[in-house]
Amino acid sequence: MVSEGLTPCLRKPNLLAGQGIFCFPLTRKASICLSGEIKLKRILDFIDNISEWTGKIFNWTVALLILLVVLEVILRRVFNRPTIWNFEVTIQLFGFYFMILAAYALLHKSHVAVDILYVRFNKRTKAIVDVITYLIFFFPFLSVVLYKGIFYAANSWEMGERSWSVFSPPLYPIKTIIPVMALLLIIQGCAIFIRHLSIAIRGEEL
């Protein structure tokens, strides 16, 4: 039987399974803190989902790229009828592909990293290094890319910028992806930064 006025401890579920562990109710301050942590974790998971689904949806761009390259090779080598549009469309699609999936790659730690010393650190030291490098390099660089990218894209739209080639495709759509890429990376970077900060301070991830 549970004594009156006692409530279940907020511990990990596997510690509670099959055990009648009970404790006194949380204080108001502790309850607010726990509630805030749960809400923060949901926000971080929501950000992760944005990057995850962006990657899953646009990951198929590479299939279209392959088809276009194969098509051009066949038309050029077999039928001797090269197109005037395939080359530039392929370049823009590839640019779109690696920019729109940048946050997805960041989420899954797919970006190139030189970690000769980093891999030797323990979890908390790695988190401290990540926090410092994000503050010094990651956020400042992407803030500049976002700021400049917005004006770069806006100027391209204003002048109706097009390529100088014979095909002359518009350039403003692909240039718009530059600030979008920076924004997605900053948002995902914030989620990763907060998790690393939690590990650096508390020794555990949110």
Foldseek 3Di string as FASTA:
>chain_A
DDDPQKDQDPDDPVVPVPDPHIDHDDDPVVVVVVVVVVVLVVLLVVLLVVLVVLCVVLVCLVVVLVVLVVVQCCCCPPVVHHDQPSVVVSVLSVLLNCLSNVLVCVSVVNDDDDCPPLVVDDLLVNLVVLLVCCVPPVVVVLVVQLVVLVVVLVVLVVVQQWDPGPVTHRDSVSSNSRNVSSVSNVSNSVSSNQQSVCCNVVVHGD
